């Protein structure tokens, strides 16, 4: 497994010219209603990549906190048959975390489109 600090350095510095082969894995978008169905059927492992304070103020029930600032790809362990879904506030940081997972683990990852804001706006429950 690649060192998370090294991955952050590569992935978040566009002037770096190192190539990461991500051709064997993908980041796919998932909408709120589909995620709600997956969660109801225990088909998703949900990871919140926002910071501790953000998670404490509101999060999606059942999500695991893994902040992007200290992201640990080895902590994203869905059970067999579960999809790995990442979310943040609006969908940007979760894409960054997804790229780290793809580079480190070669995993397929789902990104909640619009993040927790879209989830809440769609009428789905959040834990406060």
C-alpha atoms as a PDB file:
ATOM      1  CA  UNK A   1       0.000   0.000   0.000  1.00  0.00           C
ATOM      2  CA  UNK A   2       1.274   3.484  -0.856  1.00  0.00           C
ATOM      3  CA  UNK A   3       2.063   5.962   1.906  1.00  0.00           C
ATOM      4  CA  UNK A   4      -0.964   8.299   2.417  1.00  0.00           C
ATOM      5  CA  UNK A   5       1.232  11.392   2.840  1.00  0.00           C
ATOM      6  CA  UNK A   6       2.997  10.595  -0.434  1.00  0.00           C
ATOM      7  CA  UNK A   7      -0.332  10.130  -2.203  1.00  0.00           C
ATOM      8  CA  UNK A   8      -1.641  13.472  -0.910  1.00  0.00           C
ATOM      9  CA  UNK A   9       1.557  15.132  -2.118  1.00  0.00           C
ATOM     10  CA  UNK A  10       1.143  13.704  -5.620  1.00  0.00           C
ATOM     11  CA  UNK A  11      -2.610  14.048  -5.961  1.00  0.00           C
ATOM     12  CA  UNK A  12      -2.908  17.585  -4.629  1.00  0.00           C
ATOM     13  CA  UNK A  13       0.047  19.162  -6.426  1.00  0.00           C
ATOM     14  CA  UNK A  14      -0.859  19.509 -10.094  1.00  0.00           C
ATOM     15  CA  UNK A  15       2.674  20.619 -11.000  1.00  0.00           C
ATOM     16  CA  UNK A  16       3.932  17.109 -10.136  1.00  0.00           C
ATOM     17  CA  UNK A  17       4.390  15.100 -13.303  1.00  0.00           C
ATOM     18  CA  UNK A  18       4.298  11.625 -11.778  1.00  0.00           C
ATOM     19  CA  UNK A  19       1.738   9.319 -13.281  1.00  0.00           C
ATOM     20  CA  UNK A  20      -0.542   7.122 -11.225  1.00  0.00           C
ATOM     21  CA  UNK A  21      -2.164   4.215 -13.022  1.00  0.00           C
ATOM     22  CA  UNK A  22      -5.827   4.394 -12.093  1.00  0.00           C
ATOM     23  CA  UNK A  23      -7.086   2.622 -15.205  1.00  0.00           C
ATOM     24  CA  UNK A  24      -8.223  -0.458 -13.303  1.00  0.00           C
ATOM     25  CA  UNK A  25     -10.561   1.378 -10.943  1.00  0.00           C
ATOM     26  CA  UNK A  26     -13.160   4.108 -11.166  1.00  0.00           C
ATOM     27  CA  UNK A  27     -14.967   6.805  -9.229  1.00  0.00           C
ATOM     28  CA  UNK A  28     -18.642   6.632 -10.036  1.00  0.00           C
ATOM     29  CA  UNK A  29     -21.299   9.116  -9.005  1.00  0.00           C
ATOM     30  CA  UNK A  30     -24.252   7.943  -6.943  1.00  0.00           C
ATOM     31  CA  UNK A  31     -27.383   9.980  -6.269  1.00  0.00           C
ATOM     32  CA  UNK A  32     -29.034  10.383  -2.882  1.00  0.00           C
ATOM     33  CA  UNK A  33     -32.016   8.106  -3.500  1.00  0.00           C
ATOM     34  CA  UNK A  34     -29.842   5.263  -4.773  1.00  0.00           C
ATOM     35  CA  UNK A  35     -27.556   5.596  -1.752  1.00  0.00           C
ATOM     36  CA  UNK A  36     -30.573   5.565   0.582  1.00  0.00           C
ATOM     37  CA  UNK A  37     -31.652   2.267  -0.982  1.00  0.00           C
ATOM     38  CA  UNK A  38     -28.157   0.817  -0.686  1.00  0.00           C
ATOM     39  CA  UNK A  39     -27.957   1.843   2.985  1.00  0.00           C
ATOM     40  CA  UNK A  40     -31.402   0.379   3.728  1.00  0.00           C
ATOM     41  CA  UNK A  41     -30.298  -2.917   2.169  1.00  0.00           C
ATOM     42  CA  UNK A  42     -26.849  -2.834   3.829  1.00  0.00           C
ATOM     43  CA  UNK A  43     -25.210  -2.652   0.395  1.00  0.00           C
ATOM     44  CA  UNK A  44     -22.971   0.358   1.119  1.00  0.00           C
ATOM     45  CA  UNK A  45     -20.016   1.155   3.345  1.00  0.00           C
ATOM     46  CA  UNK A  46     -20.303   4.918   3.814  1.00  0.00           C
ATOM     47  CA  UNK A  47     -17.284   7.102   4.610  1.00  0.00           C
ATOM     48  CA  UNK A  48     -17.475  10.782   5.615  1.00  0.00           C
ATOM     49  CA  UNK A  49     -14.249  12.531   4.542  1.00  0.00           C
ATOM     50  CA  UNK A  50     -15.115  15.867   6.169  1.00  0.00           C
ATOM     51  CA  UNK A  51     -13.339  17.080   9.285  1.00  0.00           C
ATOM     52  CA  UNK A  52     -14.215  16.044  12.854  1.00  0.00           C
ATOM     53  CA  UNK A  53     -16.147  19.245  13.620  1.00  0.00           C
ATOM     54  CA  UNK A  54     -18.228  18.941  10.450  1.00  0.00           C
ATOM     55  CA  UNK A  55     -19.069  15.310  11.170  1.00  0.00           C
ATOM     56  CA  UNK A  56     -20.025  16.137  14.761  1.00  0.00           C
ATOM     57  CA  UNK A  57     -22.448  18.855  13.639  1.00  0.00           C
ATOM     58  CA  UNK A  58     -24.247  16.657  11.075  1.00  0.00           C
ATOM     59  CA  UNK A  59     -23.630  13.346   9.350  1.00  0.00           C
ATOM     60  CA  UNK A  60     -25.399  10.517   7.573  1.00  0.00           C
ATOM     61  CA  UNK A  61     -26.335   7.735   9.961  1.00  0.00           C
ATOM     62  CA  UNK A  62     -23.983   4.767   9.799  1.00  0.00           C
ATOM     63  CA  UNK A  63     -21.137   6.674   8.181  1.00  0.00           C
ATOM     64  CA  UNK A  64     -17.552   6.186   9.287  1.00  0.00           C
ATOM     65  CA  UNK A  65     -15.408   9.296   9.755  1.00  0.00           C
ATOM     66  CA  UNK A  66     -12.110   9.357   7.853  1.00  0.00           C
ATOM     67  CA  UNK A  67     -11.129  13.051   7.381  1.00  0.00           C
ATOM     68  CA  UNK A  68      -9.395  13.955   4.135  1.00  0.00           C
ATOM     69  CA  UNK A  69      -6.702  15.850   6.072  1.00  0.00           C
ATOM     70  CA  UNK A  70      -5.527  12.562   7.624  1.00  0.00           C
ATOM     71  CA  UNK A  71      -7.138  10.144   5.183  1.00  0.00           C
ATOM     72  CA  UNK A  72      -6.259   6.497   5.753  1.00  0.00           C
ATOM     73  CA  UNK A  73      -7.166   4.273   2.824  1.00  0.00           C
ATOM     74  CA  UNK A  74      -6.696   1.163   4.947  1.00  0.00           C
ATOM     75  CA  UNK A  75      -9.652   2.246   7.133  1.00  0.00           C
ATOM     76  CA  UNK A  76     -12.081   1.888   4.206  1.00  0.00           C
ATOM     77  CA  UNK A  77     -13.063  -1.747   4.494  1.00  0.00           C
ATOM     78  CA  UNK A  78     -16.478  -2.629   3.114  1.00  0.00           C
ATOM     79  CA  UNK A  79     -17.719  -6.148   3.647  1.00  0.00           C
ATOM     80  CA  UNK A  80     -18.034  -8.460   0.658  1.00  0.00           C
ATOM     81  CA  UNK A  81     -20.878  -7.267  -1.531  1.00  0.00           C
ATOM     82  CA  UNK A  82     -20.859  -3.717  -0.171  1.00  0.00           C
ATOM     83  CA  UNK A  83     -20.077  -0.693  -2.323  1.00  0.00           C
ATOM     84  CA  UNK A  84     -17.586   1.849  -0.974  1.00  0.00           C
ATOM     85  CA  UNK A  85     -19.263   5.273  -0.945  1.00  0.00           C
ATOM     86  CA  UNK A  86     -17.535   8.515   0.030  1.00  0.00           C
ATOM     87  CA  UNK A  87     -19.167  11.820   0.871  1.00  0.00           C
ATOM     88  CA  UNK A  88     -18.246  15.297   2.035  1.00  0.00           C
ATOM     89  CA  UNK A  89     -20.050  18.638   2.155  1.00  0.00           C
ATOM     90  CA  UNK A  90     -20.655  19.086  -1.562  1.00  0.00           C
ATOM     91  CA  UNK A  91     -18.830  16.259  -3.362  1.00  0.00           C
ATOM     92  CA  UNK A  92     -15.387  17.766  -3.992  1.00  0.00           C
ATOM     93  CA  UNK A  93     -13.266  16.381  -1.145  1.00  0.00           C
ATOM     94  CA  UNK A  94     -14.799  12.943  -1.557  1.00  0.00           C
ATOM     95  CA  UNK A  95     -13.534  12.850  -5.142  1.00  0.00           C
ATOM     96  CA  UNK A  96     -10.033  13.676  -3.861  1.00  0.00           C
ATOM     97  CA  UNK A  97     -10.279  10.874  -1.297  1.00  0.00           C
ATOM     98  CA  UNK A  98     -11.538   8.562  -4.040  1.00  0.00           C
ATOM     99  CA  UNK A  99      -8.466   9.297  -6.119  1.00  0.00           C
ATOM    100  CA  UNK A 100      -6.285   8.434  -3.127  1.00  0.00           C
ATOM    101  CA  UNK A 101      -8.125   5.132  -2.695  1.00  0.00           C
ATOM    102  CA  UNK A 102      -7.795   4.315  -6.360  1.00  0.00           C
ATOM    103  CA  UNK A 103      -4.071   5.038  -6.301  1.00  0.00           C
ATOM    104  CA  UNK A 104      -3.406   3.165  -3.063  1.00  0.00           C
ATOM    105  CA  UNK A 105      -5.808   0.268  -3.290  1.00  0.00           C
ATOM    106  CA  UNK A 106      -7.023   0.091  -6.887  1.00  0.00           C
ATOM    107  CA  UNK A 107     -10.625   0.092  -5.664  1.00  0.00           C
ATOM    108  CA  UNK A 108     -13.824   1.144  -7.323  1.00  0.00           C
ATOM    109  CA  UNK A 109     -15.336   4.012  -5.369  1.00  0.00           C
ATOM    110  CA  UNK A 110     -18.691   5.779  -5.403  1.00  0.00           C
ATOM    111  CA  UNK A 111     -19.025   9.502  -4.741  1.00  0.00           C
ATOM    112  CA  UNK A 112     -22.270  10.936  -3.323  1.00  0.00           C
ATOM    113  CA  UNK A 113     -23.176  13.679  -5.813  1.00  0.00           C
ATOM    114  CA  UNK A 114     -23.640  16.964  -3.961  1.00  0.00           C
ATOM    115  CA  UNK A 115     -22.479  15.516  -0.647  1.00  0.00           C
ATOM    116  CA  UNK A 116     -24.392  15.846   2.589  1.00  0.00           C
ATOM    117  CA  UNK A 117     -25.942  19.101   1.344  1.00  0.00           C
ATOM    118  CA  UNK A 118     -27.724  17.268  -1.476  1.00  0.00           C
ATOM    119  CA  UNK A 119     -28.621  14.409   0.888  1.00  0.00           C
ATOM    120  CA  UNK A 120     -30.300  16.822   3.306  1.00  0.00           C
ATOM    121  CA  UNK A 121     -31.960  18.844   0.507  1.00  0.00           C
ATOM    122  CA  UNK A 122     -33.422  15.605  -0.884  1.00  0.00           C
ATOM    123  CA  UNK A 123     -35.184  15.057   2.442  1.00  0.00           C
ATOM    124  CA  UNK A 124     -33.013  12.241   3.742  1.00  0.00           C
ATOM    125  CA  UNK A 125     -32.261  12.174   7.478  1.00  0.00           C
ATOM    126  CA  UNK A 126     -29.064  13.405   9.075  1.00  0.00           C
ATOM    127  CA  UNK A 127     -27.778  12.872  12.592  1.00  0.00           C
ATOM    128  CA  UNK A 128     -27.124  16.047  14.570  1.00  0.00           C
END
